[in-house]
């Protein structure tokens, strides 16, 4: 088990890996693309990121900052009957840094309050803040991960239904 929230899954689809890659590519905006270019072409994207060479790294497009939104890192693999999509949902590095810093700081404060001049109330308060901070971060990650997963599945869902 890792300290930082993380989820991994494998999806199987009845269409080719190239088709799955094209579907995700058509729903993904390159972060280098300007907003003016998007407005000219009138394209609605679901993700920011990169999709190429059987690999992808995307995150859902948001209107307001969300610290615990995951990015989806994955790959496409061809099979004899379709494709397998491997995906891993992870926190961005800056969010890991922030969560690690505050968790570490509250742990250190808790230990200091327990050892130097024992103040149980202060120690429990510091440790409680650290645990509460982590619990909120974990639940926010899960909330955003479920939303990201639902949007990712919607990209492939229509194609999977049209092949039946």
Protein backbone atom coordinates (compact mmCIF):
# COMPACT_ATOMS: atom_id res chain seq x y z
CA UNK A 1 0.00 0.00 0.00
CA UNK A 2 1.28 3.46 -0.85
CA UNK A 3 0.97 6.54 1.34
CA UNK A 4 -0.58 8.60 -1.43
CA UNK A 5 -4.01 7.77 -2.85
CA UNK A 6 -3.75 5.65 -5.99
CA UNK A 7 -6.00 3.42 -8.09
CA UNK A 8 -5.21 1.04 -10.92
CA UNK A 9 -7.60 -0.75 -13.26
CA UNK A 10 -7.68 -2.74 -16.46
CA UNK A 11 -10.53 -2.43 -18.97
CA UNK A 12 -11.28 -4.73 -21.90
CA UNK A 13 -13.00 -3.47 -25.07
CA UNK A 14 -14.18 -5.20 -28.27
CA UNK A 15 -12.50 -2.72 -30.62
CA UNK A 16 -8.85 -2.30 -31.61
CA UNK A 17 -6.22 -0.54 -29.53
CA UNK A 18 -5.74 1.97 -32.37
CA UNK A 19 -9.46 2.78 -32.26
CA UNK A 20 -9.38 3.19 -28.46
CA UNK A 21 -6.35 5.46 -28.78
CA UNK A 22 -8.11 7.53 -31.48
CA UNK A 23 -11.24 7.89 -29.34
CA UNK A 24 -9.25 9.19 -26.39
CA UNK A 25 -7.07 11.37 -28.63
CA UNK A 26 -10.18 13.04 -30.09
CA UNK A 27 -11.39 13.85 -26.57
CA UNK A 28 -8.05 15.21 -25.34
CA UNK A 29 -6.76 18.76 -25.65
CA UNK A 30 -3.03 19.29 -25.89
CA UNK A 31 -2.07 21.65 -23.03
CA UNK A 32 0.02 23.69 -25.49
CA UNK A 33 -3.07 24.46 -27.58
CA UNK A 34 -4.40 27.96 -26.98
CA UNK A 35 -7.98 28.68 -25.97
CA UNK A 36 -8.41 30.75 -29.13
CA UNK A 37 -7.65 27.70 -31.28
CA UNK A 38 -10.27 25.69 -29.43
CA UNK A 39 -12.92 28.40 -29.84
CA UNK A 40 -12.22 28.68 -33.58
CA UNK A 41 -12.76 24.97 -34.15
CA UNK A 42 -15.62 24.79 -31.63
CA UNK A 43 -14.30 21.53 -30.17
CA UNK A 44 -15.43 20.32 -26.73
CA UNK A 45 -12.67 18.38 -25.04
CA UNK A 46 -13.05 16.20 -21.97
CA UNK A 47 -9.37 15.89 -21.05
CA UNK A 48 -6.09 17.81 -21.00
CA UNK A 49 -2.97 15.83 -21.74
CA UNK A 50 -1.19 13.65 -24.25
CA UNK A 51 -2.20 10.52 -26.15
CA UNK A 52 0.36 8.94 -28.49
CA UNK A 53 2.26 5.74 -29.26
CA UNK A 54 -0.13 3.54 -27.29
CA UNK A 55 0.33 5.59 -24.11
CA UNK A 56 -1.67 8.34 -22.46
CA UNK A 57 -1.44 10.79 -19.59
CA UNK A 58 -4.59 12.87 -19.18
CA UNK A 59 -6.67 14.70 -16.57
CA UNK A 60 -10.23 15.92 -16.85
CA UNK A 61 -10.80 19.53 -17.81
CA UNK A 62 -12.04 21.59 -14.88
CA UNK A 63 -13.38 25.11 -14.60
CA UNK A 64 -12.19 25.75 -11.03
CA UNK A 65 -8.94 24.67 -9.34
CA UNK A 66 -9.16 21.24 -7.70
CA UNK A 67 -6.12 20.18 -5.69
CA UNK A 68 -6.99 16.49 -5.47
CA UNK A 69 -7.94 15.81 -9.07
CA UNK A 70 -6.04 12.77 -10.35
CA UNK A 71 -4.23 12.38 -13.61
CA UNK A 72 -4.75 9.16 -15.52
CA UNK A 73 -1.62 7.45 -16.76
CA UNK A 74 -2.10 4.43 -18.98
CA UNK A 75 -1.58 2.38 -22.08
CA UNK A 76 -3.41 0.47 -24.81
CA UNK A 77 -2.66 -3.16 -25.56
CA UNK A 78 -3.94 -5.11 -28.56
CA UNK A 79 -5.51 -8.53 -28.17
CA UNK A 80 -6.95 -11.01 -30.66
CA UNK A 81 -10.51 -9.88 -29.84
CA UNK A 82 -10.06 -6.18 -29.14
CA UNK A 83 -7.92 -4.26 -26.69
CA UNK A 84 -6.99 -3.83 -23.08
CA UNK A 85 -6.74 -0.36 -21.55
CA UNK A 86 -4.51 -0.16 -18.49
CA UNK A 87 -5.09 2.97 -16.37
CA UNK A 88 -3.58 4.31 -13.17
CA UNK A 89 -5.12 7.23 -11.28
CA UNK A 90 -2.52 9.25 -9.37
CA UNK A 91 -2.18 12.58 -7.61
CA UNK A 92 -0.14 15.30 -9.29
CA UNK A 93 3.37 15.81 -7.87
CA UNK A 94 2.56 19.21 -6.33
CA UNK A 95 -0.40 17.72 -4.48
CA UNK A 96 1.77 14.86 -3.21
CA UNK A 97 4.30 17.43 -2.04
CA UNK A 98 1.62 19.44 -0.21
CA UNK A 99 0.05 16.35 1.40
CA UNK A 100 3.45 14.96 2.40
CA UNK A 101 4.57 18.28 3.88
CA UNK A 102 1.51 18.78 6.07
CA UNK A 103 1.35 15.14 7.13
CA UNK A 104 5.04 15.23 8.05
CA UNK A 105 4.74 18.55 9.86
CA UNK A 106 1.79 17.46 12.00
CA UNK A 107 3.54 14.16 12.80
CA UNK A 108 6.71 15.99 13.87
CA UNK A 109 4.69 18.42 16.00
CA UNK A 110 2.86 15.52 17.61
CA UNK A 111 6.14 13.78 18.46
CA UNK A 112 7.66 17.02 19.82
CA UNK A 113 4.64 17.62 22.04
CA UNK A 114 4.86 14.04 23.33
CA UNK A 115 8.60 13.94 24.02
CA UNK A 116 10.14 17.32 24.93
CA UNK A 117 7.60 18.64 27.37
CA UNK A 118 4.74 16.16 27.39
CA UNK A 119 1.56 17.97 26.47
CA UNK A 120 -0.86 15.23 25.51
CA UNK A 121 -3.62 17.62 24.44
CA UNK A 122 -1.37 19.47 22.01
CA UNK A 123 0.11 16.21 20.69
CA UNK A 124 -3.32 14.68 20.08
CA UNK A 125 -4.51 17.89 18.44
CA UNK A 126 -1.51 17.95 16.05
CA UNK A 127 -1.84 14.25 15.23
CA UNK A 128 -5.62 14.66 14.81
CA UNK A 129 -5.07 17.51 12.36
CA UNK A 130 -2.67 15.34 10.36
CA UNK A 131 -5.08 12.40 10.27
CA UNK A 132 -8.00 14.70 9.41
CA UNK A 133 -6.00 16.36 6.64
CA UNK A 134 -5.10 12.98 5.15
CA UNK A 135 -8.69 11.70 5.44
CA UNK A 136 -10.03 14.77 3.62
CA UNK A 137 -7.35 14.45 0.92
CA UNK A 138 -8.09 10.74 0.45
CA UNK A 139 -11.86 11.24 0.22
CA UNK A 140 -11.44 14.15 -2.23
CA UNK A 141 -9.14 12.02 -4.38
CA UNK A 142 -11.70 9.18 -4.41
CA UNK A 143 -14.49 11.60 -5.33
CA UNK A 144 -12.53 13.08 -8.24
CA UNK A 145 -11.18 9.67 -9.27
CA UNK A 146 -14.72 8.32 -9.64
CA UNK A 147 -15.68 11.32 -11.77
CA UNK A 148 -12.56 10.97 -13.94
CA UNK A 149 -13.24 7.26 -14.37
CA UNK A 150 -16.87 7.90 -15.37
CA UNK A 151 -15.74 10.40 -18.03
CA UNK A 152 -13.00 8.06 -19.30
CA UNK A 153 -15.50 5.20 -19.60
CA UNK A 154 -17.93 7.46 -21.47
CA UNK A 155 -15.30 8.05 -24.16
CA UNK A 156 -15.19 4.32 -24.94
CA UNK A 157 -18.81 3.43 -24.13
CA UNK A 158 -20.49 4.68 -27.32
CA UNK A 159 -18.01 2.86 -29.53
CA UNK A 160 -18.42 -0.37 -27.55
CA UNK A 161 -22.22 -0.20 -27.94
CA UNK A 162 -22.07 0.51 -31.67
CA UNK A 163 -20.05 -2.68 -32.22
CA UNK A 164 -22.68 -4.93 -30.59
